[in-house]
Amino acid sequence: MLPRGMRNYLSEVARVLKVNGKCLITMFLLNPDKARQVLGGAAAFQFPHRFRDCYVQDIITRKTWLAMMKHRLSANSIAKG
């Protein structure tokens, strides 16, 4: 899911989640060390292409596996509450 989709996704989760409710979301998050491993080919999952603020498995479709830098998600999460 690209950043625009992620913002919409988090907005919808916040909209329908009950007060003090919980939601489990799974995704690939990268910190700088993991990003270096991915780019160096040393990670179990490969995201060889950078696209905007993300790394993608397939640069053509950009709809396959996607990894987002952890600090981007944190900023999105905080903005959505």
PDB file of N, CA and C in Angstrom:
ATOM      1  N   MET A   1       0.857  -1.164   0.000  1.00  0.00           N
ATOM      2  CA  MET A   1       0.000   0.000   0.000  1.00  0.00           C
ATOM      3  C   MET A   1       0.906   1.230   0.000  1.00  0.00           C
ATOM      4  N   LEU A   2       0.683   2.097  -0.942  1.00  0.00           N
ATOM      5  CA  LEU A   2       1.486   3.313  -1.046  1.00  0.00           C
ATOM      6  C   LEU A   2       1.081   4.318   0.033  1.00  0.00           C
ATOM      7  N   PRO A   3       1.924   5.320   0.312  1.00  0.00           N
ATOM      8  CA  PRO A   3       1.643   6.244   1.415  1.00  0.00           C
ATOM      9  C   PRO A   3       0.257   6.877   1.373  1.00  0.00           C
ATOM     10  N   ARG A   4      -0.227   7.269   0.215  1.00  0.00           N
ATOM     11  CA  ARG A   4      -1.573   7.866   0.143  1.00  0.00           C
ATOM     12  C   ARG A   4      -2.624   6.858   0.608  1.00  0.00           C
ATOM     13  N   GLY A   5      -2.491   5.625   0.157  1.00  0.00           N
ATOM     14  CA  GLY A   5      -3.412   4.578   0.583  1.00  0.00           C
ATOM     15  C   GLY A   5      -3.300   4.303   2.068  1.00  0.00           C
ATOM     16  N   MET A   6      -2.070   4.346   2.587  1.00  0.00           N
ATOM     17  CA  MET A   6      -1.853   4.116   4.012  1.00  0.00           C
ATOM     18  C   MET A   6      -2.532   5.199   4.839  1.00  0.00           C
ATOM     19  N   ARG A   7      -2.429   6.441   4.400  1.00  0.00           N
ATOM     20  CA  ARG A   7      -3.098   7.522   5.129  1.00  0.00           C
ATOM     21  C   ARG A   7      -4.607   7.294   5.160  1.00  0.00           C
ATOM     22  N   ASN A   8      -5.173   6.903   4.036  1.00  0.00           N
ATOM     23  CA  ASN A   8      -6.611   6.636   3.974  1.00  0.00           C
ATOM     24  C   ASN A   8      -6.973   5.440   4.858  1.00  0.00           C
ATOM     25  N   TYR A   9      -6.164   4.390   4.793  1.00  0.00           N
ATOM     26  CA  TYR A   9      -6.379   3.186   5.587  1.00  0.00           C
ATOM     27  C   TYR A   9      -6.396   3.526   7.076  1.00  0.00           C
ATOM     28  N   LEU A  10      -5.385   4.277   7.533  1.00  0.00           N
ATOM     29  CA  LEU A  10      -5.316   4.640   8.948  1.00  0.00           C
ATOM     30  C   LEU A  10      -6.469   5.557   9.344  1.00  0.00           C
ATOM     31  N   SER A  11      -6.868   6.421   8.448  1.00  0.00           N
ATOM     32  CA  SER A  11      -8.002   7.303   8.712  1.00  0.00           C
ATOM     33  C   SER A  11      -9.275   6.492   8.904  1.00  0.00           C
ATOM     34  N   GLU A  12      -9.489   5.503   8.072  1.00  0.00           N
ATOM     35  CA  GLU A  12     -10.682   4.655   8.195  1.00  0.00           C
ATOM     36  C   GLU A  12     -10.637   3.812   9.467  1.00  0.00           C
ATOM     37  N   VAL A  13      -9.469   3.293   9.814  1.00  0.00           N
ATOM     38  CA  VAL A  13      -9.335   2.539  11.064  1.00  0.00           C
ATOM     39  C   VAL A  13      -9.700   3.450  12.238  1.00  0.00           C
ATOM     40  N   ALA A  14      -9.152   4.662  12.252  1.00  0.00           N
ATOM     41  CA  ALA A  14      -9.447   5.602  13.343  1.00  0.00           C
ATOM     42  C   ALA A  14     -10.932   5.950  13.388  1.00  0.00           C
ATOM     43  N   ARG A  15     -11.550   6.043  12.216  1.00  0.00           N
ATOM     44  CA  ARG A  15     -12.963   6.428  12.147  1.00  0.00           C
ATOM     45  C   ARG A  15     -13.875   5.354  12.734  1.00  0.00           C
ATOM     46  N   VAL A  16     -13.596   4.085  12.486  1.00  0.00           N
ATOM     47  CA  VAL A  16     -14.511   3.019  12.910  1.00  0.00           C
ATOM     48  C   VAL A  16     -14.105   2.337  14.214  1.00  0.00           C
ATOM     49  N   LEU A  17     -12.910   2.598  14.692  1.00  0.00           N
ATOM     50  CA  LEU A  17     -12.445   1.946  15.913  1.00  0.00           C
ATOM     51  C   LEU A  17     -13.120   2.559  17.137  1.00  0.00           C
ATOM     52  N   LYS A  18     -13.585   1.700  18.015  1.00  0.00           N
ATOM     53  CA  LYS A  18     -14.204   2.185  19.250  1.00  0.00           C
ATOM     54  C   LYS A  18     -13.160   2.892  20.113  1.00  0.00           C
ATOM     55  N   VAL A  19     -13.617   3.749  21.003  1.00  0.00           N
ATOM     56  CA  VAL A  19     -12.720   4.423  21.937  1.00  0.00           C
ATOM     57  C   VAL A  19     -11.963   3.360  22.725  1.00  0.00           C
ATOM     58  N   ASN A  20     -10.674   3.500  22.818  1.00  0.00           N
ATOM     59  CA  ASN A  20      -9.780   2.548  23.482  1.00  0.00           C
ATOM     60  C   ASN A  20      -9.750   1.189  22.784  1.00  0.00           C
ATOM     61  N   GLY A  21     -10.254   1.139  21.554  1.00  0.00           N
ATOM     62  CA  GLY A  21     -10.221  -0.104  20.793  1.00  0.00           C
ATOM     63  C   GLY A  21      -8.817  -0.403  20.292  1.00  0.00           C
ATOM     64  N   LYS A  22      -8.648  -1.591  19.794  1.00  0.00           N
ATOM     65  CA  LYS A  22      -7.342  -2.021  19.296  1.00  0.00           C
ATOM     66  C   LYS A  22      -7.486  -2.555  17.881  1.00  0.00           C
ATOM     67  N   CYS A  23      -6.430  -2.416  17.130  1.00  0.00           N
ATOM     68  CA  CYS A  23      -6.400  -2.895  15.759  1.00  0.00           C
ATOM     69  C   CYS A  23      -5.011  -3.467  15.494  1.00  0.00           C
ATOM     70  N   LEU A  24      -4.952  -4.628  14.889  1.00  0.00           N
ATOM     71  CA  LEU A  24      -3.682  -5.243  14.533  1.00  0.00           C
ATOM     72  C   LEU A  24      -3.466  -5.072  13.035  1.00  0.00           C
ATOM     73  N   ILE A  25      -2.384  -4.407  12.674  1.00  0.00           N
ATOM     74  CA  ILE A  25      -2.032  -4.185  11.278  1.00  0.00           C
ATOM     75  C   ILE A  25      -0.638  -4.760  11.068  1.00  0.00           C
ATOM     76  N   THR A  26      -0.479  -5.566  10.053  1.00  0.00           N
ATOM     77  CA  THR A  26       0.842  -6.110   9.750  1.00  0.00           C
ATOM     78  C   THR A  26       1.380  -5.456   8.489  1.00  0.00           C
ATOM     79  N   MET A  27       2.677  -5.177   8.513  1.00  0.00           N
ATOM     80  CA  MET A  27       3.317  -4.573   7.346  1.00  0.00           C
ATOM     81  C   MET A  27       4.831  -4.691   7.494  1.00  0.00           C
ATOM     82  N   PHE A  28       5.517  -4.434   6.416  1.00  0.00           N
ATOM     83  CA  PHE A  28       6.970  -4.405   6.447  1.00  0.00           C
ATOM     84  C   PHE A  28       7.413  -2.992   6.793  1.00  0.00           C
ATOM     85  N   LEU A  29       8.107  -2.851   7.913  1.00  0.00           N
ATOM     86  CA  LEU A  29       8.646  -1.564   8.325  1.00  0.00           C
ATOM     87  C   LEU A  29      10.164  -1.637   8.312  1.00  0.00           C
ATOM     88  N   LEU A  30      10.783  -0.601   7.831  1.00  0.00           N
ATOM     89  CA  LEU A  30      12.237  -0.556   7.773  1.00  0.00           C
ATOM     90  C   LEU A  30      12.772   0.572   8.639  1.00  0.00           C
ATOM     91  N   ASN A  31      13.826   0.271   9.377  1.00  0.00           N
ATOM     92  CA  ASN A  31      14.600   1.326  10.015  1.00  0.00           C
ATOM     93  C   ASN A  31      15.871   1.466   9.171  1.00  0.00           C
ATOM     94  N   PRO A  32      16.719   2.427   9.432  1.00  0.00           N
ATOM     95  CA  PRO A  32      17.900   2.607   8.574  1.00  0.00           C
ATOM     96  C   PRO A  32      18.786   1.367   8.451  1.00  0.00           C
ATOM     97  N   ASP A  33      18.966   0.611   9.547  1.00  0.00           N
ATOM     98  CA  ASP A  33      19.795  -0.603   9.477  1.00  0.00           C
ATOM     99  C   ASP A  33      19.165  -1.654   8.564  1.00  0.00           C
ATOM    100  N   LYS A  34      17.876  -1.887   8.707  1.00  0.00           N
ATOM    101  CA  LYS A  34      17.190  -2.876   7.859  1.00  0.00           C
ATOM    102  C   LYS A  34      17.156  -2.424   6.406  1.00  0.00           C
ATOM    103  N   ALA A  35      16.996  -1.129   6.184  1.00  0.00           N
ATOM    104  CA  ALA A  35      17.003  -0.618   4.811  1.00  0.00           C
ATOM    105  C   ALA A  35      18.339  -0.918   4.141  1.00  0.00           C
ATOM    106  N   ARG A  36      19.438  -0.756   4.878  1.00  0.00           N
ATOM    107  CA  ARG A  36      20.758  -1.087   4.320  1.00  0.00           C
ATOM    108  C   ARG A  36      20.854  -2.575   3.996  1.00  0.00           C
ATOM    109  N   GLN A  37      20.319  -3.433   4.865  1.00  0.00           N
ATOM    110  CA  GLN A  37      20.332  -4.872   4.600  1.00  0.00           C
ATOM    111  C   GLN A  37      19.520  -5.212   3.361  1.00  0.00           C
ATOM    112  N   VAL A  38      18.359  -4.602   3.232  1.00  0.00           N
ATOM    113  CA  VAL A  38      17.498  -4.846   2.071  1.00  0.00           C
ATOM    114  C   VAL A  38      18.217  -4.414   0.798  1.00  0.00           C
ATOM    115  N   LEU A  39      18.768  -3.214   0.805  1.00  0.00           N
ATOM    116  CA  LEU A  39      19.446  -2.704  -0.382  1.00  0.00           C
ATOM    117  C   LEU A  39      20.709  -3.499  -0.695  1.00  0.00           C
ATOM    118  N   GLY A  40      21.321  -4.081   0.327  1.00  0.00           N
ATOM    119  CA  GLY A  40      22.522  -4.897   0.121  1.00  0.00           C
ATOM    120  C   GLY A  40      22.220  -6.347  -0.221  1.00  0.00           C
ATOM    121  N   GLY A  41      20.950  -6.705  -0.270  1.00  0.00           N
ATOM    122  CA  GLY A  41      20.564  -8.075  -0.596  1.00  0.00           C
ATOM    123  C   GLY A  41      20.714  -9.057   0.543  1.00  0.00           C
ATOM    124  N   ALA A  42      20.899  -8.563   1.770  1.00  0.00           N
ATOM    125  CA  ALA A  42      21.133  -9.439   2.915  1.00  0.00           C
ATOM    126  C   ALA A  42      19.872  -9.744   3.722  1.00  0.00           C
ATOM    127  N   ALA A  43      18.726  -9.232   3.305  1.00  0.00           N
ATOM    128  CA  ALA A  43      17.485  -9.444   4.047  1.00  0.00           C
ATOM    129  C   ALA A  43      16.700 -10.609   3.454  1.00  0.00           C
ATOM    130  N   ALA A  44      15.853 -11.219   4.269  1.00  0.00           N
ATOM    131  CA  ALA A  44      15.045 -12.352   3.803  1.00  0.00           C
ATOM    132  C   ALA A  44      14.054 -11.926   2.724  1.00  0.00           C
ATOM    133  N   PHE A  45      13.478 -10.748   2.866  1.00  0.00           N
ATOM    134  CA  PHE A  45      12.549 -10.218   1.873  1.00  0.00           C
ATOM    135  C   PHE A  45      13.252  -9.095   1.125  1.00  0.00           C
ATOM    136  N   GLN A  46      13.062  -9.081  -0.161  1.00  0.00           N
ATOM    137  CA  GLN A  46      13.755  -8.089  -0.977  1.00  0.00           C
ATOM    138  C   GLN A  46      12.799  -7.012  -1.483  1.00  0.00           C
ATOM    139  N   PHE A  47      13.209  -5.781  -1.319  1.00  0.00           N
ATOM    140  CA  PHE A  47      12.499  -4.609  -1.828  1.00  0.00           C
ATOM    141  C   PHE A  47      13.538  -3.775  -2.573  1.00  0.00           C
ATOM    142  N   PRO A  48      13.908  -4.193  -3.772  1.00  0.00           N
ATOM    143  CA  PRO A  48      15.063  -3.598  -4.433  1.00  0.00           C
ATOM    144  C   PRO A  48      14.850  -2.213  -5.038  1.00  0.00           C
ATOM    145  N   HIS A  49      13.627  -1.751  -5.111  1.00  0.00           N
ATOM    146  CA  HIS A  49      13.364  -0.481  -5.785  1.00  0.00           C
ATOM    147  C   HIS A  49      12.813   0.557  -4.820  1.00  0.00           C
ATOM    148  N   ARG A  50      13.385   1.735  -4.868  1.00  0.00           N
ATOM    149  CA  ARG A  50      12.843   2.831  -4.066  1.00  0.00           C
ATOM    150  C   ARG A  50      11.781   3.543  -4.898  1.00  0.00           C
ATOM    151  N   PHE A  51      10.635   3.790  -4.283  1.00  0.00           N
ATOM    152  CA  PHE A  51       9.553   4.522  -4.931  1.00  0.00           C
ATOM    153  C   PHE A  51       8.989   5.495  -3.916  1.00  0.00           C
ATOM    154  N   ARG A  52       9.214   6.772  -4.147  1.00  0.00           N
ATOM    155  CA  ARG A  52       8.810   7.818  -3.204  1.00  0.00           C
ATOM    156  C   ARG A  52       9.416   7.536  -1.841  1.00  0.00           C
ATOM    157  N   ASP A  53       8.596   7.403  -0.795  1.00  0.00           N
ATOM    158  CA  ASP A  53       9.105   7.157   0.556  1.00  0.00           C
ATOM    159  C   ASP A  53       9.102   5.681   0.924  1.00  0.00           C
ATOM    160  N   CYS A  54       8.972   4.810  -0.068  1.00  0.00           N
ATOM    161  CA  CYS A  54       8.847   3.378   0.190  1.00  0.00           C
ATOM    162  C   CYS A  54       9.869   2.601  -0.623  1.00  0.00           C
ATOM    163  N   TYR A  55       9.937   1.337  -0.332  1.00  0.00           N
ATOM    164  CA  TYR A  55      10.701   0.399  -1.145  1.00  0.00           C
ATOM    165  C   TYR A  55       9.714  -0.646  -1.649  1.00  0.00           C
ATOM    166  N   VAL A  56       9.781  -0.978  -2.932  1.00  0.00           N
ATOM    167  CA  VAL A  56       8.836  -1.917  -3.513  1.00  0.00           C
ATOM    168  C   VAL A  56       9.566  -3.093  -4.143  1.00  0.00           C
ATOM    169  N   GLN A  57       8.857  -4.196  -4.258  1.00  0.00           N
ATOM    170  CA  GLN A  57       9.412  -5.387  -4.876  1.00  0.00           C
ATOM    171  C   GLN A  57       9.385  -5.266  -6.399  1.00  0.00           C
ATOM    172  N   ASP A  58       8.338  -4.665  -6.924  1.00  0.00           N
ATOM    173  CA  ASP A  58       8.176  -4.546  -8.382  1.00  0.00           C
ATOM    174  C   ASP A  58       7.899  -3.087  -8.726  1.00  0.00           C
ATOM    175  N   ILE A  59       8.841  -2.432  -9.382  1.00  0.00           N
ATOM    176  CA  ILE A  59       8.712  -1.007  -9.684  1.00  0.00           C
ATOM    177  C   ILE A  59       7.636  -0.737 -10.734  1.00  0.00           C
ATOM    178  N   ILE A  60       7.299  -1.717 -11.560  1.00  0.00           N
ATOM    179  CA  ILE A  60       6.309  -1.518 -12.617  1.00  0.00           C
ATOM    180  C   ILE A  60       4.901  -1.414 -12.027  1.00  0.00           C
ATOM    181  N   THR A  61       4.494  -2.406 -11.248  1.00  0.00           N
ATOM    182  CA  THR A  61       3.129  -2.411 -10.722  1.00  0.00           C
ATOM    183  C   THR A  61       3.002  -1.641  -9.412  1.00  0.00           C
ATOM    184  N   ARG A  62       4.059  -1.643  -8.607  1.00  0.00           N
ATOM    185  CA  ARG A  62       4.065  -1.008  -7.279  1.00  0.00           C
ATOM    186  C   ARG A  62       2.929  -1.521  -6.400  1.00  0.00           C
ATOM    187  N   LYS A  63       2.351  -2.650  -6.763  1.00  0.00           N
ATOM    188  CA  LYS A  63       1.245  -3.207  -5.971  1.00  0.00           C
ATOM    189  C   LYS A  63       1.639  -4.522  -5.306  1.00  0.00           C
ATOM    190  N   THR A  64       2.878  -4.919  -5.481  1.00  0.00           N
ATOM    191  CA  THR A  64       3.358  -6.106  -4.786  1.00  0.00           C
ATOM    192  C   THR A  64       3.866  -5.670  -3.415  1.00  0.00           C
ATOM    193  N   TRP A  65       4.626  -6.515  -2.773  1.00  0.00           N
ATOM    194  CA  TRP A  65       5.098  -6.191  -1.431  1.00  0.00           C
ATOM    195  C   TRP A  65       5.731  -4.828  -1.385  1.00  0.00           C
ATOM    196  N   LEU A  66       5.464  -4.128  -0.311  1.00  0.00           N
ATOM    197  CA  LEU A  66       5.981  -2.784  -0.128  1.00  0.00           C
ATOM    198  C   LEU A  66       6.490  -2.658   1.292  1.00  0.00           C
ATOM    199  N   ALA A  67       7.591  -1.969   1.473  1.00  0.00           N
ATOM    200  CA  ALA A  67       8.128  -1.695   2.808  1.00  0.00           C
ATOM    201  C   ALA A  67       8.197  -0.192   2.996  1.00  0.00           C
ATOM    202  N   MET A  68       7.791   0.247   4.161  1.00  0.00           N
ATOM    203  CA  MET A  68       7.781   1.681   4.458  1.00  0.00           C
ATOM    204  C   MET A  68       8.777   1.938   5.579  1.00  0.00           C
ATOM    205  N   MET A  69       9.430   3.077   5.501  1.00  0.00           N
ATOM    206  CA  MET A  69      10.330   3.457   6.580  1.00  0.00           C
ATOM    207  C   MET A  69       9.500   3.682   7.844  1.00  0.00           C
ATOM    208  N   LYS A  70       9.985   3.159   8.944  1.00  0.00           N
ATOM    209  CA  LYS A  70       9.243   3.193  10.201  1.00  0.00           C
ATOM    210  C   LYS A  70       8.884   4.615  10.621  1.00  0.00           C
ATOM    211  N   HIS A  71       9.781   5.566  10.433  1.00  0.00           N
ATOM    212  CA  HIS A  71       9.488   6.944  10.862  1.00  0.00           C
ATOM    213  C   HIS A  71       8.323   7.538  10.069  1.00  0.00           C
ATOM    214  N   ARG A  72       8.093   7.091   8.826  1.00  0.00           N
ATOM    215  CA  ARG A  72       6.953   7.582   8.042  1.00  0.00           C
ATOM    216  C   ARG A  72       5.644   7.082   8.634  1.00  0.00           C
ATOM    217  N   LEU A  73       5.599   5.830   9.025  1.00  0.00           N
ATOM    218  CA  LEU A  73       4.382   5.290   9.615  1.00  0.00           C
ATOM    219  C   LEU A  73       4.094   5.984  10.944  1.00  0.00           C
ATOM    220  N   SER A  74       5.106   6.180  11.738  1.00  0.00           N
ATOM    221  CA  SER A  74       4.908   6.843  13.031  1.00  0.00           C
ATOM    222  C   SER A  74       4.318   8.229  12.832  1.00  0.00           C
ATOM    223  N   ALA A  75       4.812   8.956  11.846  1.00  0.00           N
ATOM    224  CA  ALA A  75       4.281  10.292  11.563  1.00  0.00           C
ATOM    225  C   ALA A  75       2.825  10.204  11.109  1.00  0.00           C
ATOM    226  N   ASN A  76       2.514   9.228  10.253  1.00  0.00           N
ATOM    227  CA  ASN A  76       1.136   9.044   9.800  1.00  0.00           C
ATOM    228  C   ASN A  76       0.226   8.658  10.965  1.00  0.00           C
ATOM    229  N   SER A  77       0.688   7.764  11.821  1.00  0.00           N
ATOM    230  CA  SER A  77      -0.116   7.297  12.956  1.00  0.00           C
ATOM    231  C   SER A  77      -0.412   8.432  13.913  1.00  0.00           C
ATOM    232  N   ILE A  78       0.591   9.227  14.199  1.00  0.00           N
ATOM    233  CA  ILE A  78       0.411  10.345  15.120  1.00  0.00           C
ATOM    234  C   ILE A  78      -0.573  11.348  14.525  1.00  0.00           C
ATOM    235  N   ALA A  79      -0.459  11.591  13.229  1.00  0.00           N
ATOM    236  CA  ALA A  79      -1.342  12.563  12.578  1.00  0.00           C
ATOM    237  C   ALA A  79      -2.797  12.087  12.611  1.00  0.00           C
ATOM    238  N   LYS A  80      -3.020  10.766  12.587  1.00  0.00           N
ATOM    239  CA  LYS A  80      -4.374  10.220  12.580  1.00  0.00           C
ATOM    240  C   LYS A  80      -4.915   9.991  13.986  1.00  0.00           C
ATOM    241  N   GLY A  81      -4.041  10.089  15.002  1.00  0.00           N
ATOM    242  CA  GLY A  81      -4.504   9.891  16.360  1.00  0.00           C
ATOM    243  C   GLY A  81      -4.496   8.441  16.699  1.00  0.00           C
TER     244      GLY A  81
END
